[in-house]
Amino acid sequence: MNRRIVVGISGASGSPYAHRLLEVLHTGRDEFGVEPHLVFSKPGRMVYQDETGFDPRDWDFPIWGPMDMTAPFASGSARFESMVIVPCSAGTLGRVATGTSINLMSRAAEVMLKERRKLIMVLRESPYSLMHLRNMTSITEAGGLILPASPSFYSVPKNRTELLDTVVSRVLDHLGIDTELIPRWAGREKGGLR
C-alpha cells in the first residue's frame, strides 16, 4: 500500500513551492510509493491559480473541499502518514497552534499533531511578529516542524525551478522521500576559504 500524505495549500503567497512539490510527487509517484491527497483553503485555491497559472484539477490526485470533513484524514483512524502545508499562512499557523480549526486543512493538521504524526508547515511570512514566533514555538513543542520558505543559494540555482527546489527538497527530506533535486552539501576541503 502507498504511503498516504496530505498536502495542504493555504492562501499565503508561495504557491510555486506547492506546485513544484506536486510536480515531483506526480513524476515520482511510483518510485516514491506515495499517494498525495490535496486540500486547499478557499484563498489558497485562488492564490494557487493566480501564482502558477494552473487549475488544481489538473492534478490526478484526490482533491478535498476546504470544508469537507468527510475526508479520511479528518480522523486519526485513517492513519495518513504525514502532512505538509505549503505555503502555510500565518493565519493557518495560528489556528493550528491554538487548536481552533475552522476548515479541513487546520483540522487535518490538528489530527497529525494529536496522533504524533509528521506535520510540516512551510511558513511564508516576513517579517515574523512575536505572535508568529510564539505560534511556531507551540507547533514545535507539539511535535510539528516549521520549515520556512527560505531558499538557499549554496547550490547556485540557475533558474526559478532550481531555486524552488532548495525548499522543496528539504520538504521531501522531512517526508522521508529521497531525491536528488539539488546537490547535497559535502563541505569544503580543510582551509577551503583563504
C-alpha atoms as a PDB file:
ATOM      1  CA  MET A   1       0.000   0.000   0.000  1.00  0.00           C
ATOM      2  CA  ASN A   2       1.229   3.502  -0.818  1.00  0.00           C
ATOM      3  CA  ARG A   3       2.164   5.936   1.929  1.00  0.00           C
ATOM      4  CA  ARG A   4      -0.689   8.425   2.116  1.00  0.00           C
ATOM      5  CA  ILE A   5       0.193  12.061   2.715  1.00  0.00           C
ATOM      6  CA  VAL A   6      -1.848  15.248   2.886  1.00  0.00           C
ATOM      7  CA  VAL A   7      -0.712  18.346   1.005  1.00  0.00           C
ATOM      8  CA  GLY A   8      -2.441  21.484   2.256  1.00  0.00           C
ATOM      9  CA  ILE A   9      -2.204  24.717   0.272  1.00  0.00           C
ATOM     10  CA  SER A  10      -3.200  27.860   2.136  1.00  0.00           C
ATOM     11  CA  GLY A  11      -3.696  31.404   0.891  1.00  0.00           C
ATOM     12  CA  ALA A  12      -0.204  32.702   1.598  1.00  0.00           C
ATOM     13  CA  SER A  13       1.902  33.767  -1.347  1.00  0.00           C
ATOM     14  CA  GLY A  14       4.247  30.939  -2.301  1.00  0.00           C
ATOM     15  CA  SER A  15       2.094  28.594  -4.363  1.00  0.00           C
ATOM     16  CA  PRO A  16       5.000  27.880  -6.742  1.00  0.00           C
ATOM     17  CA  TYR A  17       6.536  25.850  -3.890  1.00  0.00           C
ATOM     18  CA  ALA A  18       3.363  23.751  -3.697  1.00  0.00           C
ATOM     19  CA  HIS A  19       3.215  23.386  -7.463  1.00  0.00           C
ATOM     20  CA  ARG A  20       6.815  22.192  -7.674  1.00  0.00           C
ATOM     21  CA  LEU A  21       6.250  19.744  -4.808  1.00  0.00           C
ATOM     22  CA  LEU A  22       3.217  18.322  -6.630  1.00  0.00           C
ATOM     23  CA  GLU A  23       5.220  18.028  -9.871  1.00  0.00           C
ATOM     24  CA  VAL A  24       7.895  15.996  -8.122  1.00  0.00           C
ATOM     25  CA  LEU A  25       5.351  13.815  -6.298  1.00  0.00           C
ATOM     26  CA  HIS A  26       3.453  13.220  -9.550  1.00  0.00           C
ATOM     27  CA  THR A  27       6.558  12.360 -11.556  1.00  0.00           C
ATOM     28  CA  GLY A  28       7.948  10.042  -8.872  1.00  0.00           C
ATOM     29  CA  ARG A  29       4.659   8.638  -7.599  1.00  0.00           C
ATOM     30  CA  ASP A  30       5.537   5.012  -8.359  1.00  0.00           C
ATOM     31  CA  GLU A  31       9.169   5.348  -7.325  1.00  0.00           C
ATOM     32  CA  PHE A  32       8.298   7.074  -4.025  1.00  0.00           C
ATOM     33  CA  GLY A  33       5.259   4.917  -3.279  1.00  0.00           C
ATOM     34  CA  VAL A  34       3.189   7.895  -2.121  1.00  0.00           C
ATOM     35  CA  GLU A  35      -0.457   8.787  -2.527  1.00  0.00           C
ATOM     36  CA  PRO A  36      -0.940  12.543  -2.055  1.00  0.00           C
ATOM     37  CA  HIS A  37      -4.346  13.939  -1.099  1.00  0.00           C
ATOM     38  CA  LEU A  38      -4.823  17.687  -1.597  1.00  0.00           C
ATOM     39  CA  VAL A  39      -6.776  20.257   0.348  1.00  0.00           C
ATOM     40  CA  PHE A  40      -6.846  23.949  -0.487  1.00  0.00           C
ATOM     41  CA  SER A  41      -8.196  26.721   1.672  1.00  0.00           C
ATOM     42  CA  LYS A  42     -10.606  28.947  -0.283  1.00  0.00           C
ATOM     43  CA  PRO A  43      -7.996  31.705  -0.670  1.00  0.00           C
ATOM     44  CA  GLY A  44      -5.332  29.052  -1.288  1.00  0.00           C
ATOM     45  CA  ARG A  45      -7.061  27.807  -4.416  1.00  0.00           C
ATOM     46  CA  MET A  46      -7.366  31.328  -5.785  1.00  0.00           C
ATOM     47  CA  VAL A  47      -3.752  32.265  -4.992  1.00  0.00           C
ATOM     48  CA  TYR A  48      -2.530  28.959  -6.450  1.00  0.00           C
ATOM     49  CA  GLN A  49      -4.220  29.702  -9.783  1.00  0.00           C
ATOM     50  CA  ASP A  50      -3.004  33.324  -9.780  1.00  0.00           C
ATOM     51  CA  GLU A  51       0.619  32.483  -8.960  1.00  0.00           C
ATOM     52  CA  THR A  52       1.055  29.309 -11.031  1.00  0.00           C
ATOM     53  CA  GLY A  53      -1.452  29.704 -13.861  1.00  0.00           C
ATOM     54  CA  PHE A  54      -2.645  26.140 -13.238  1.00  0.00           C
ATOM     55  CA  ASP A  55      -6.025  24.820 -12.201  1.00  0.00           C
ATOM     56  CA  PRO A  56      -5.666  22.458  -9.214  1.00  0.00           C
ATOM     57  CA  ARG A  57      -7.937  19.995 -11.024  1.00  0.00           C
ATOM     58  CA  ASP A  58      -5.093  19.431 -13.493  1.00  0.00           C
ATOM     59  CA  TRP A  59      -3.583  17.035 -10.940  1.00  0.00           C
ATOM     60  CA  ASP A  60      -4.881  13.492 -10.812  1.00  0.00           C
ATOM     61  CA  PHE A  61      -4.619  13.438  -7.025  1.00  0.00           C
ATOM     62  CA  PRO A  62      -7.736  13.373  -4.829  1.00  0.00           C
ATOM     63  CA  ILE A  63      -8.714  16.969  -4.010  1.00  0.00           C
ATOM     64  CA  TRP A  64     -10.912  17.589  -0.972  1.00  0.00           C
ATOM     65  CA  GLY A  65     -13.048  20.680  -0.431  1.00  0.00           C
ATOM     66  CA  PRO A  66     -11.942  23.156   2.217  1.00  0.00           C
ATOM     67  CA  MET A  67     -14.893  22.338   4.484  1.00  0.00           C
ATOM     68  CA  ASP A  68     -15.325  18.639   3.636  1.00  0.00           C
ATOM     69  CA  MET A  69     -14.973  16.913   6.998  1.00  0.00           C
ATOM     70  CA  THR A  70     -15.820  13.586   5.333  1.00  0.00           C
ATOM     71  CA  ALA A  71     -12.227  13.448   4.053  1.00  0.00           C
ATOM     72  CA  PRO A  72     -10.477  10.412   5.539  1.00  0.00           C
ATOM     73  CA  PHE A  73      -7.618  12.474   7.003  1.00  0.00           C
ATOM     74  CA  ALA A  74     -10.077  14.458   9.153  1.00  0.00           C
ATOM     75  CA  SER A  75      -9.812  11.499  11.540  1.00  0.00           C
ATOM     76  CA  GLY A  76      -6.763   9.913  13.103  1.00  0.00           C
ATOM     77  CA  SER A  77      -8.178   6.439  12.469  1.00  0.00           C
ATOM     78  CA  ALA A  78      -7.468   6.857   8.732  1.00  0.00           C
ATOM     79  CA  ARG A  79      -3.744   6.636   9.530  1.00  0.00           C
ATOM     80  CA  PHE A  80      -2.383   9.095   6.993  1.00  0.00           C
ATOM     81  CA  GLU A  81       1.375   9.163   7.455  1.00  0.00           C
ATOM     82  CA  SER A  82       2.169  12.859   7.250  1.00  0.00           C
ATOM     83  CA  MET A  83       1.031  16.307   6.186  1.00  0.00           C
ATOM     84  CA  VAL A  84       2.746  19.306   4.683  1.00  0.00           C
ATOM     85  CA  ILE A  85       1.127  22.739   4.434  1.00  0.00           C
ATOM     86  CA  VAL A  86       2.870  24.632   1.647  1.00  0.00           C
ATOM     87  CA  PRO A  87       2.667  27.555   1.656  1.00  0.00           C
ATOM     88  CA  CYS A  88       1.449  27.986   5.200  1.00  0.00           C
ATOM     89  CA  SER A  89      -0.145  31.316   6.033  1.00  0.00           C
ATOM     90  CA  ALA A  90       0.336  32.961   9.417  1.00  0.00           C
ATOM     91  CA  GLY A  91      -3.420  32.569   9.985  1.00  0.00           C
ATOM     92  CA  THR A  92      -3.264  28.807   9.404  1.00  0.00           C
ATOM     93  CA  LEU A  93      -0.249  28.603  11.693  1.00  0.00           C
ATOM     94  CA  GLY A  94      -2.150  30.444  14.436  1.00  0.00           C
ATOM     95  CA  ARG A  95      -5.282  28.323  14.159  1.00  0.00           C
ATOM     96  CA  VAL A  96      -3.333  25.080  14.348  1.00  0.00           C
ATOM     97  CA  ALA A  97      -1.148  26.359  17.193  1.00  0.00           C
ATOM     98  CA  THR A  98      -4.214  27.224  19.264  1.00  0.00           C
ATOM     99  CA  GLY A  99      -6.319  24.209  18.300  1.00  0.00           C
ATOM    100  CA  THR A 100      -9.083  26.294  16.728  1.00  0.00           C
ATOM    101  CA  SER A 101      -9.586  24.612  13.382  1.00  0.00           C
ATOM    102  CA  ILE A 102     -12.102  26.251  11.078  1.00  0.00           C
ATOM    103  CA  ASN A 103     -11.619  24.143   7.965  1.00  0.00           C
ATOM    104  CA  LEU A 104     -10.383  20.756   6.771  1.00  0.00           C
ATOM    105  CA  MET A 105      -6.780  21.897   6.465  1.00  0.00           C
ATOM    106  CA  SER A 106      -6.454  23.057  10.061  1.00  0.00           C
ATOM    107  CA  ARG A 107      -8.417  20.023  11.294  1.00  0.00           C
ATOM    108  CA  ALA A 108      -6.073  17.673   9.407  1.00  0.00           C
ATOM    109  CA  ALA A 109      -3.048  19.442  10.900  1.00  0.00           C
ATOM    110  CA  GLU A 110      -4.500  19.044  14.400  1.00  0.00           C
ATOM    111  CA  VAL A 111      -5.059  15.339  13.674  1.00  0.00           C
ATOM    112  CA  MET A 112      -1.395  14.937  12.724  1.00  0.00           C
ATOM    113  CA  LEU A 113      -0.287  16.538  15.971  1.00  0.00           C
ATOM    114  CA  LYS A 114      -2.651  14.601  18.221  1.00  0.00           C
ATOM    115  CA  GLU A 115      -1.724  11.304  16.548  1.00  0.00           C
ATOM    116  CA  ARG A 116       2.001  12.122  16.797  1.00  0.00           C
ATOM    117  CA  ARG A 117       2.424  12.000  13.043  1.00  0.00           C
ATOM    118  CA  LYS A 118       4.594  14.258  10.931  1.00  0.00           C
ATOM    119  CA  LEU A 119       3.329  17.792  10.302  1.00  0.00           C
ATOM    120  CA  ILE A 120       5.480  20.147   8.223  1.00  0.00           C
ATOM    121  CA  MET A 121       4.426  23.790   7.942  1.00  0.00           C
ATOM    122  CA  VAL A 122       6.215  25.762   5.218  1.00  0.00           C
ATOM    123  CA  LEU A 123       5.607  29.220   6.623  1.00  0.00           C
ATOM    124  CA  ARG A 124       5.606  32.021   4.060  1.00  0.00           C
ATOM    125  CA  GLU A 125       5.574  35.200   6.102  1.00  0.00           C
ATOM    126  CA  SER A 126       8.005  38.056   6.629  1.00  0.00           C
ATOM    127  CA  PRO A 127       8.824  39.603   8.992  1.00  0.00           C
ATOM    128  CA  TYR A 128       7.716  37.458  11.932  1.00  0.00           C
ATOM    129  CA  SER A 129       5.742  39.104  14.709  1.00  0.00           C
ATOM    130  CA  LEU A 130       6.020  37.993  18.325  1.00  0.00           C
ATOM    131  CA  MET A 131       2.723  36.109  17.901  1.00  0.00           C
ATOM    132  CA  HIS A 132       4.108  34.268  14.861  1.00  0.00           C
ATOM    133  CA  LEU A 133       7.171  33.249  16.869  1.00  0.00           C
ATOM    134  CA  ARG A 134       5.044  32.074  19.789  1.00  0.00           C
ATOM    135  CA  ASN A 135       2.804  30.080  17.453  1.00  0.00           C
ATOM    136  CA  MET A 136       5.857  28.490  15.838  1.00  0.00           C
ATOM    137  CA  THR A 137       7.108  27.543  19.291  1.00  0.00           C
ATOM    138  CA  SER A 138       3.728  25.984  20.138  1.00  0.00           C
ATOM    139  CA  ILE A 139       3.743  23.918  16.938  1.00  0.00           C
ATOM    140  CA  THR A 140       7.317  22.780  17.579  1.00  0.00           C
ATOM    141  CA  GLU A 141       6.536  21.843  21.183  1.00  0.00           C
ATOM    142  CA  ALA A 142       3.526  19.844  19.940  1.00  0.00           C
ATOM    143  CA  GLY A 143       5.765  17.854  17.578  1.00  0.00           C
ATOM    144  CA  GLY A 144       5.334  19.766  14.322  1.00  0.00           C
ATOM    145  CA  LEU A 145       8.122  21.108  12.129  1.00  0.00           C
ATOM    146  CA  ILE A 146       8.336  24.711  10.971  1.00  0.00           C
ATOM    147  CA  LEU A 147      10.203  24.807   7.662  1.00  0.00           C
ATOM    148  CA  PRO A 148      10.232  28.413   6.431  1.00  0.00           C
ATOM    149  CA  ALA A 149      10.066  29.072   2.712  1.00  0.00           C
ATOM    150  CA  SER A 150      13.644  30.337   2.797  1.00  0.00           C
ATOM    151  CA  PRO A 151      15.549  29.319  -0.329  1.00  0.00           C
ATOM    152  CA  SER A 152      19.267  28.597  -0.120  1.00  0.00           C
ATOM    153  CA  PHE A 153      21.954  29.577  -2.603  1.00  0.00           C
ATOM    154  CA  TYR A 154      24.942  27.270  -1.981  1.00  0.00           C
ATOM    155  CA  SER A 155      23.815  25.057  -4.872  1.00  0.00           C
ATOM    156  CA  VAL A 156      23.949  28.168  -7.122  1.00  0.00           C
ATOM    157  CA  PRO A 157      20.427  27.790  -8.579  1.00  0.00           C
ATOM    158  CA  LYS A 158      20.354  28.731 -12.258  1.00  0.00           C
ATOM    159  CA  ASN A 159      16.618  29.290 -12.643  1.00  0.00           C
ATOM    160  CA  ARG A 160      13.364  29.590 -10.722  1.00  0.00           C
ATOM    161  CA  THR A 161      12.758  25.827 -10.591  1.00  0.00           C
ATOM    162  CA  GLU A 162      16.181  25.190  -9.093  1.00  0.00           C
ATOM    163  CA  LEU A 163      15.551  27.943  -6.545  1.00  0.00           C
ATOM    164  CA  LEU A 164      12.178  26.408  -5.608  1.00  0.00           C
ATOM    165  CA  ASP A 165      13.907  23.035  -5.307  1.00  0.00           C
ATOM    166  CA  THR A 166      16.110  24.322  -2.482  1.00  0.00           C
ATOM    167  CA  VAL A 167      12.976  24.427  -0.304  1.00  0.00           C
ATOM    168  CA  VAL A 168      11.049  21.553  -1.898  1.00  0.00           C
ATOM    169  CA  SER A 169      13.976  19.169  -1.463  1.00  0.00           C
ATOM    170  CA  ARG A 170      14.020  19.921   2.282  1.00  0.00           C
ATOM    171  CA  VAL A 171      10.278  19.222   2.468  1.00  0.00           C
ATOM    172  CA  LEU A 172      10.789  15.912   0.677  1.00  0.00           C
ATOM    173  CA  ASP A 173      13.673  15.027   3.006  1.00  0.00           C
ATOM    174  CA  HIS A 174      11.408  15.517   6.008  1.00  0.00           C
ATOM    175  CA  LEU A 175       8.677  13.453   4.354  1.00  0.00           C
ATOM    176  CA  GLY A 176      11.229  10.659   4.046  1.00  0.00           C
ATOM    177  CA  ILE A 177      11.359  10.871   0.236  1.00  0.00           C
ATOM    178  CA  ASP A 178      14.851  10.677  -1.254  1.00  0.00           C
ATOM    179  CA  THR A 179      15.521  12.776  -4.335  1.00  0.00           C
ATOM    180  CA  GLU A 180      18.490  14.407  -5.992  1.00  0.00           C
ATOM    181  CA  LEU A 181      16.766  17.693  -6.787  1.00  0.00           C
ATOM    182  CA  ILE A 182      19.731  19.686  -5.554  1.00  0.00           C
ATOM    183  CA  PRO A 183      23.331  18.742  -4.825  1.00  0.00           C
ATOM    184  CA  ARG A 184      23.872  17.785  -1.177  1.00  0.00           C
ATOM    185  CA  TRP A 185      26.266  19.920   0.816  1.00  0.00           C
ATOM    186  CA  ALA A 186      29.501  17.972   1.017  1.00  0.00           C
ATOM    187  CA  GLY A 187      31.553  20.534   2.909  1.00  0.00           C
ATOM    188  CA  ARG A 188      34.798  22.081   1.792  1.00  0.00           C
ATOM    189  CA  GLU A 189      38.327  20.877   1.826  1.00  0.00           C
ATOM    190  CA  LYS A 190      40.087  21.860   5.011  1.00  0.00           C
ATOM    191  CA  GLY A 191      41.062  25.501   4.766  1.00  0.00           C
ATOM    192  CA  GLY A 192      38.763  26.000   1.772  1.00  0.00           C
ATOM    193  CA  LEU A 193      38.424  29.745   2.338  1.00  0.00           C
ATOM    194  CA  ARG A 194      41.539  31.881   2.467  1.00  0.00           C
END
